């Protein structure tokens, strides 16, 4: 009997939690808690930076985005990514734009530099656009643009921003399965050195 009651409880709790999480973006009132949000990462947080790159790591076609208001945007999910949810909880009323399409003052609320296939360290794809260093160079471009817009106030403004770095899965999975595509030393070869 206790198992039956537990199942009923979960059948009520889970839909309520799903409803709350899927509608939480519209429940945040007031100004964002931070002025801007910068995102670095791989496919888990990419929101369209790979759409116009010569790469197989793209998600700008169905079934990706089937539950997203704008359809397939380059997110490797059927809906919002974790950073989309975090941005909503921080109070942003718009999604953080990908670096590839961010224009003008949009960068003042933040930029998403994430690119599917990105590695965190020595395990990066041969393609330069899929490395953390490339994302950091793009961030430098953004900082220079913010300085042009805000002048002497840029440093104080940027110091209040929040950053997310979400990557590493490609380092492990692709290092194991795609040795020809990655400039690295395999874990097997590394362990044989000791």
C-alpha atoms as a PDB file:
ATOM      1  CA  UNK A   1       0.000   0.000   0.000  1.00  0.00           C
ATOM      2  CA  UNK A   2       2.845   2.407   0.812  1.00  0.00           C
ATOM      3  CA  UNK A   3       4.302   1.827  -2.660  1.00  0.00           C
ATOM      4  CA  UNK A   4       0.975   2.708  -4.277  1.00  0.00           C
ATOM      5  CA  UNK A   5       0.725   5.932  -2.219  1.00  0.00           C
ATOM      6  CA  UNK A   6       4.306   6.810  -3.141  1.00  0.00           C
ATOM      7  CA  UNK A   7       3.543   6.332  -6.853  1.00  0.00           C
ATOM      8  CA  UNK A   8       0.491   8.575  -6.577  1.00  0.00           C
ATOM      9  CA  UNK A   9       2.532  11.239  -4.781  1.00  0.00           C
ATOM     10  CA  UNK A  10       5.204  11.191  -7.490  1.00  0.00           C
ATOM     11  CA  UNK A  11       2.579  11.276 -10.232  1.00  0.00           C
ATOM     12  CA  UNK A  12       1.356  14.574  -8.748  1.00  0.00           C
ATOM     13  CA  UNK A  13       4.731  16.060  -7.735  1.00  0.00           C
ATOM     14  CA  UNK A  14       6.569  15.494 -11.038  1.00  0.00           C
ATOM     15  CA  UNK A  15       4.019  17.269 -13.274  1.00  0.00           C
ATOM     16  CA  UNK A  16       3.910  20.192 -10.829  1.00  0.00           C
ATOM     17  CA  UNK A  17       7.717  20.478 -10.846  1.00  0.00           C
ATOM     18  CA  UNK A  18       7.753  20.248 -14.648  1.00  0.00           C
ATOM     19  CA  UNK A  19       5.123  22.980 -14.887  1.00  0.00           C
ATOM     20  CA  UNK A  20       7.054  25.248 -12.507  1.00  0.00           C
ATOM     21  CA  UNK A  21      10.366  24.768 -14.320  1.00  0.00           C
ATOM     22  CA  UNK A  22       8.866  25.265 -17.772  1.00  0.00           C
ATOM     23  CA  UNK A  23       7.088  28.495 -16.772  1.00  0.00           C
ATOM     24  CA  UNK A  24       9.634  29.938 -14.345  1.00  0.00           C
ATOM     25  CA  UNK A  25      10.999  32.407 -16.929  1.00  0.00           C
ATOM     26  CA  UNK A  26       7.843  34.521 -16.730  1.00  0.00           C
ATOM     27  CA  UNK A  27       7.701  34.523 -12.911  1.00  0.00           C
ATOM     28  CA  UNK A  28      10.864  36.534 -12.302  1.00  0.00           C
ATOM     29  CA  UNK A  29       9.980  40.144 -11.586  1.00  0.00           C
ATOM     30  CA  UNK A  30      12.159  43.222 -11.700  1.00  0.00           C
ATOM     31  CA  UNK A  31      15.591  43.832 -13.113  1.00  0.00           C
ATOM     32  CA  UNK A  32      18.078  40.994 -13.644  1.00  0.00           C
ATOM     33  CA  UNK A  33      20.189  40.172 -10.603  1.00  0.00           C
ATOM     34  CA  UNK A  34      23.366  40.758 -12.610  1.00  0.00           C
ATOM     35  CA  UNK A  35      23.816  43.082 -15.595  1.00  0.00           C
ATOM     36  CA  UNK A  36      25.186  40.454 -17.975  1.00  0.00           C
ATOM     37  CA  UNK A  37      25.822  36.742 -18.369  1.00  0.00           C
ATOM     38  CA  UNK A  38      28.675  35.198 -20.371  1.00  0.00           C
ATOM     39  CA  UNK A  39      28.639  31.514 -21.317  1.00  0.00           C
ATOM     40  CA  UNK A  40      31.515  29.300 -22.450  1.00  0.00           C
ATOM     41  CA  UNK A  41      31.109  25.634 -23.274  1.00  0.00           C
ATOM     42  CA  UNK A  42      30.293  22.796 -25.614  1.00  0.00           C
ATOM     43  CA  UNK A  43      27.087  21.345 -27.096  1.00  0.00           C
ATOM     44  CA  UNK A  44      25.413  21.200 -23.691  1.00  0.00           C
ATOM     45  CA  UNK A  45      25.147  25.007 -23.683  1.00  0.00           C
ATOM     46  CA  UNK A  46      25.640  25.926 -27.388  1.00  0.00           C
ATOM     47  CA  UNK A  47      22.700  27.983 -28.638  1.00  0.00           C
ATOM     48  CA  UNK A  48      23.591  28.421 -32.293  1.00  0.00           C
ATOM     49  CA  UNK A  49      27.245  29.354 -32.684  1.00  0.00           C
ATOM     50  CA  UNK A  50      27.875  26.330 -34.923  1.00  0.00           C
ATOM     51  CA  UNK A  51      24.995  27.006 -37.323  1.00  0.00           C
ATOM     52  CA  UNK A  52      27.151  28.664 -39.993  1.00  0.00           C
ATOM     53  CA  UNK A  53      30.418  26.818 -39.362  1.00  0.00           C
ATOM     54  CA  UNK A  54      31.792  24.022 -41.499  1.00  0.00           C
ATOM     55  CA  UNK A  55      31.262  21.284 -38.942  1.00  0.00           C
ATOM     56  CA  UNK A  56      29.082  18.239 -38.461  1.00  0.00           C
ATOM     57  CA  UNK A  57      28.303  19.418 -34.926  1.00  0.00           C
ATOM     58  CA  UNK A  58      25.092  21.305 -35.716  1.00  0.00           C
ATOM     59  CA  UNK A  59      21.600  21.284 -34.252  1.00  0.00           C
ATOM     60  CA  UNK A  60      19.725  23.835 -36.362  1.00  0.00           C
ATOM     61  CA  UNK A  61      17.269  21.332 -37.809  1.00  0.00           C
ATOM     62  CA  UNK A  62      14.437  19.155 -36.451  1.00  0.00           C
ATOM     63  CA  UNK A  63      14.005  17.300 -34.183  1.00  0.00           C
ATOM     64  CA  UNK A  64      16.178  19.770 -32.254  1.00  0.00           C
ATOM     65  CA  UNK A  65      14.073  22.618 -30.900  1.00  0.00           C
ATOM     66  CA  UNK A  66      10.680  20.952 -31.293  1.00  0.00           C
ATOM     67  CA  UNK A  67       9.662  22.267 -27.854  1.00  0.00           C
ATOM     68  CA  UNK A  68      11.453  25.617 -28.175  1.00  0.00           C
ATOM     69  CA  UNK A  69       9.349  28.689 -29.058  1.00  0.00           C
ATOM     70  CA  UNK A  70      11.627  29.621 -31.981  1.00  0.00           C
ATOM     71  CA  UNK A  71      12.073  26.051 -33.256  1.00  0.00           C
ATOM     72  CA  UNK A  72      15.515  24.693 -34.084  1.00  0.00           C
ATOM     73  CA  UNK A  73      18.040  27.381 -33.118  1.00  0.00           C
ATOM     74  CA  UNK A  74      21.253  25.402 -32.764  1.00  0.00           C
ATOM     75  CA  UNK A  75      20.583  24.163 -29.244  1.00  0.00           C
ATOM     76  CA  UNK A  76      21.375  20.472 -28.828  1.00  0.00           C
ATOM     77  CA  UNK A  77      18.066  19.872 -27.085  1.00  0.00           C
ATOM     78  CA  UNK A  78      14.391  19.878 -27.859  1.00  0.00           C
ATOM     79  CA  UNK A  79      13.884  22.978 -25.670  1.00  0.00           C
ATOM     80  CA  UNK A  80      15.893  25.241 -23.417  1.00  0.00           C
ATOM     81  CA  UNK A  81      19.440  24.513 -22.285  1.00  0.00           C
ATOM     82  CA  UNK A  82      20.569  24.705 -18.669  1.00  0.00           C
ATOM     83  CA  UNK A  83      22.004  28.196 -19.242  1.00  0.00           C
ATOM     84  CA  UNK A  84      18.688  29.351 -20.741  1.00  0.00           C
ATOM     85  CA  UNK A  85      17.017  28.288 -17.507  1.00  0.00           C
ATOM     86  CA  UNK A  86      19.720  29.949 -15.383  1.00  0.00           C
ATOM     87  CA  UNK A  87      19.364  33.186 -17.392  1.00  0.00           C
ATOM     88  CA  UNK A  88      15.610  33.134 -16.739  1.00  0.00           C
ATOM     89  CA  UNK A  89      16.139  32.570 -13.033  1.00  0.00           C
ATOM     90  CA  UNK A  90      18.617  35.470 -12.965  1.00  0.00           C
ATOM     91  CA  UNK A  91      15.852  37.698 -14.336  1.00  0.00           C
ATOM     92  CA  UNK A  92      16.827  38.112 -17.981  1.00  0.00           C
ATOM     93  CA  UNK A  93      13.709  38.472 -20.119  1.00  0.00           C
ATOM     94  CA  UNK A  94      15.528  37.478 -23.327  1.00  0.00           C
ATOM     95  CA  UNK A  95      17.765  34.542 -24.128  1.00  0.00           C
ATOM     96  CA  UNK A  96      21.486  35.277 -24.133  1.00  0.00           C
ATOM     97  CA  UNK A  97      22.477  35.632 -27.790  1.00  0.00           C
ATOM     98  CA  UNK A  98      25.139  33.472 -29.459  1.00  0.00           C
ATOM     99  CA  UNK A  99      28.344  35.311 -30.335  1.00  0.00           C
ATOM    100  CA  UNK A 100      27.748  34.467 -34.008  1.00  0.00           C
ATOM    101  CA  UNK A 101      24.615  36.631 -34.158  1.00  0.00           C
ATOM    102  CA  UNK A 102      24.859  39.093 -31.228  1.00  0.00           C
ATOM    103  CA  UNK A 103      24.564  42.659 -32.495  1.00  0.00           C
ATOM    104  CA  UNK A 104      24.971  46.121 -31.027  1.00  0.00           C
ATOM    105  CA  UNK A 105      23.797  46.622 -27.480  1.00  0.00           C
ATOM    106  CA  UNK A 106      22.643  42.969 -27.176  1.00  0.00           C
ATOM    107  CA  UNK A 107      26.126  42.186 -25.912  1.00  0.00           C
ATOM    108  CA  UNK A 108      25.460  44.314 -22.831  1.00  0.00           C
ATOM    109  CA  UNK A 109      23.219  41.588 -21.399  1.00  0.00           C
ATOM    110  CA  UNK A 110      25.780  38.903 -22.218  1.00  0.00           C
ATOM    111  CA  UNK A 111      26.985  36.571 -24.931  1.00  0.00           C
ATOM    112  CA  UNK A 112      26.990  32.808 -25.366  1.00  0.00           C
ATOM    113  CA  UNK A 113      30.302  31.649 -26.885  1.00  0.00           C
ATOM    114  CA  UNK A 114      29.631  27.911 -26.534  1.00  0.00           C
ATOM    115  CA  UNK A 115      30.383  25.735 -29.525  1.00  0.00           C
ATOM    116  CA  UNK A 116      29.574  22.051 -29.898  1.00  0.00           C
ATOM    117  CA  UNK A 117      32.691  19.914 -29.965  1.00  0.00           C
ATOM    118  CA  UNK A 118      34.693  22.240 -27.719  1.00  0.00           C
ATOM    119  CA  UNK A 119      37.315  20.776 -25.462  1.00  0.00           C
ATOM    120  CA  UNK A 120      38.504  22.162 -22.160  1.00  0.00           C
ATOM    121  CA  UNK A 121      42.207  21.656 -22.544  1.00  0.00           C
ATOM    122  CA  UNK A 122      44.640  19.597 -24.553  1.00  0.00           C
ATOM    123  CA  UNK A 123      41.788  17.511 -25.988  1.00  0.00           C
ATOM    124  CA  UNK A 124      40.509  19.946 -28.574  1.00  0.00           C
ATOM    125  CA  UNK A 125      39.359  19.322 -32.109  1.00  0.00           C
ATOM    126  CA  UNK A 126      41.701  20.283 -34.920  1.00  0.00           C
ATOM    127  CA  UNK A 127      39.063  22.780 -36.029  1.00  0.00           C
ATOM    128  CA  UNK A 128      40.021  26.094 -34.383  1.00  0.00           C
ATOM    129  CA  UNK A 129      36.410  27.184 -33.860  1.00  0.00           C
ATOM    130  CA  UNK A 130      35.912  24.286 -31.462  1.00  0.00           C
ATOM    131  CA  UNK A 131      38.371  25.220 -28.761  1.00  0.00           C
ATOM    132  CA  UNK A 132      38.204  27.152 -25.535  1.00  0.00           C
ATOM    133  CA  UNK A 133      40.934  29.524 -26.759  1.00  0.00           C
ATOM    134  CA  UNK A 134      38.700  30.576 -29.663  1.00  0.00           C
ATOM    135  CA  UNK A 135      35.843  31.315 -27.244  1.00  0.00           C
ATOM    136  CA  UNK A 136      38.194  33.385 -25.083  1.00  0.00           C
ATOM    137  CA  UNK A 137      39.329  35.366 -28.145  1.00  0.00           C
ATOM    138  CA  UNK A 138      35.677  36.015 -28.980  1.00  0.00           C
ATOM    139  CA  UNK A 139      35.144  37.238 -25.415  1.00  0.00           C
ATOM    140  CA  UNK A 140      38.030  39.680 -25.848  1.00  0.00           C
ATOM    141  CA  UNK A 141      36.262  41.043 -28.946  1.00  0.00           C
ATOM    142  CA  UNK A 142      33.121  41.483 -26.830  1.00  0.00           C
ATOM    143  CA  UNK A 143      35.051  43.261 -24.061  1.00  0.00           C
ATOM    144  CA  UNK A 144      36.487  45.694 -26.608  1.00  0.00           C
ATOM    145  CA  UNK A 145      32.989  46.360 -27.988  1.00  0.00           C
ATOM    146  CA  UNK A 146      31.636  46.941 -24.455  1.00  0.00           C
ATOM    147  CA  UNK A 147      34.487  49.387 -23.806  1.00  0.00           C
ATOM    148  CA  UNK A 148      33.535  51.292 -26.973  1.00  0.00           C
ATOM    149  CA  UNK A 149      29.947  51.553 -25.722  1.00  0.00           C
ATOM    150  CA  UNK A 150      30.513  52.270 -22.029  1.00  0.00           C
ATOM    151  CA  UNK A 151      33.921  53.936 -21.995  1.00  0.00           C
ATOM    152  CA  UNK A 152      35.418  54.264 -18.512  1.00  0.00           C
ATOM    153  CA  UNK A 153      32.407  52.499 -16.948  1.00  0.00           C
ATOM    154  CA  UNK A 154      33.073  49.248 -18.836  1.00  0.00           C
ATOM    155  CA  UNK A 155      35.349  47.648 -16.230  1.00  0.00           C
ATOM    156  CA  UNK A 156      32.953  48.296 -13.350  1.00  0.00           C
ATOM    157  CA  UNK A 157      30.075  46.960 -15.473  1.00  0.00           C
ATOM    158  CA  UNK A 158      31.904  43.780 -16.535  1.00  0.00           C
ATOM    159  CA  UNK A 159      33.025  43.095 -12.950  1.00  0.00           C
ATOM    160  CA  UNK A 160      29.363  42.625 -11.989  1.00  0.00           C
ATOM    161  CA  UNK A 161      28.689  40.004 -14.683  1.00  0.00           C
ATOM    162  CA  UNK A 162      28.326  36.284 -14.105  1.00  0.00           C
ATOM    163  CA  UNK A 163      30.093  33.574 -16.092  1.00  0.00           C
ATOM    164  CA  UNK A 164      29.326  29.915 -16.773  1.00  0.00           C
ATOM    165  CA  UNK A 165      31.858  27.426 -18.127  1.00  0.00           C
ATOM    166  CA  UNK A 166      30.294  24.106 -19.055  1.00  0.00           C
ATOM    167  CA  UNK A 167      32.518  21.695 -20.945  1.00  0.00           C
ATOM    168  CA  UNK A 168      34.668  18.625 -20.621  1.00  0.00           C
ATOM    169  CA  UNK A 169      32.505  15.807 -21.922  1.00  0.00           C
ATOM    170  CA  UNK A 170      34.091  16.038 -25.375  1.00  0.00           C
ATOM    171  CA  UNK A 171      37.551  15.716 -23.843  1.00  0.00           C
ATOM    172  CA  UNK A 172      36.732  12.273 -22.552  1.00  0.00           C
ATOM    173  CA  UNK A 173      34.326  10.787 -25.078  1.00  0.00           C
ATOM    174  CA  UNK A 174      36.018  12.020 -28.246  1.00  0.00           C
ATOM    175  CA  UNK A 175      39.504  11.299 -26.955  1.00  0.00           C
ATOM    176  CA  UNK A 176      38.399   7.705 -26.595  1.00  0.00           C
ATOM    177  CA  UNK A 177      36.373   7.294 -29.804  1.00  0.00           C
ATOM    178  CA  UNK A 178      37.860   9.788 -32.293  1.00  0.00           C
ATOM    179  CA  UNK A 179      41.633   9.696 -31.930  1.00  0.00           C
ATOM    180  CA  UNK A 180      42.211  10.765 -35.558  1.00  0.00           C
ATOM    181  CA  UNK A 181      40.201  13.971 -35.087  1.00  0.00           C
ATOM    182  CA  UNK A 182      41.748  15.076 -31.800  1.00  0.00           C
ATOM    183  CA  UNK A 183      45.265  16.270 -31.127  1.00  0.00           C
ATOM    184  CA  UNK A 184      45.882  14.415 -27.920  1.00  0.00           C
ATOM    185  CA  UNK A 185      47.506  11.480 -26.285  1.00  0.00           C
ATOM    186  CA  UNK A 186      45.100   8.672 -25.545  1.00  0.00           C
ATOM    187  CA  UNK A 187      44.485   7.566 -21.981  1.00  0.00           C
ATOM    188  CA  UNK A 188      45.732   4.093 -22.927  1.00  0.00           C
ATOM    189  CA  UNK A 189      49.005   5.439 -24.298  1.00  0.00           C
ATOM    190  CA  UNK A 190      49.321   7.748 -21.313  1.00  0.00           C
ATOM    191  CA  UNK A 191      48.869   4.904 -18.835  1.00  0.00           C
ATOM    192  CA  UNK A 192      51.514   2.871 -20.682  1.00  0.00           C
ATOM    193  CA  UNK A 193      54.061   5.593 -19.936  1.00  0.00           C
ATOM    194  CA  UNK A 194      53.943   4.768 -16.222  1.00  0.00           C
END
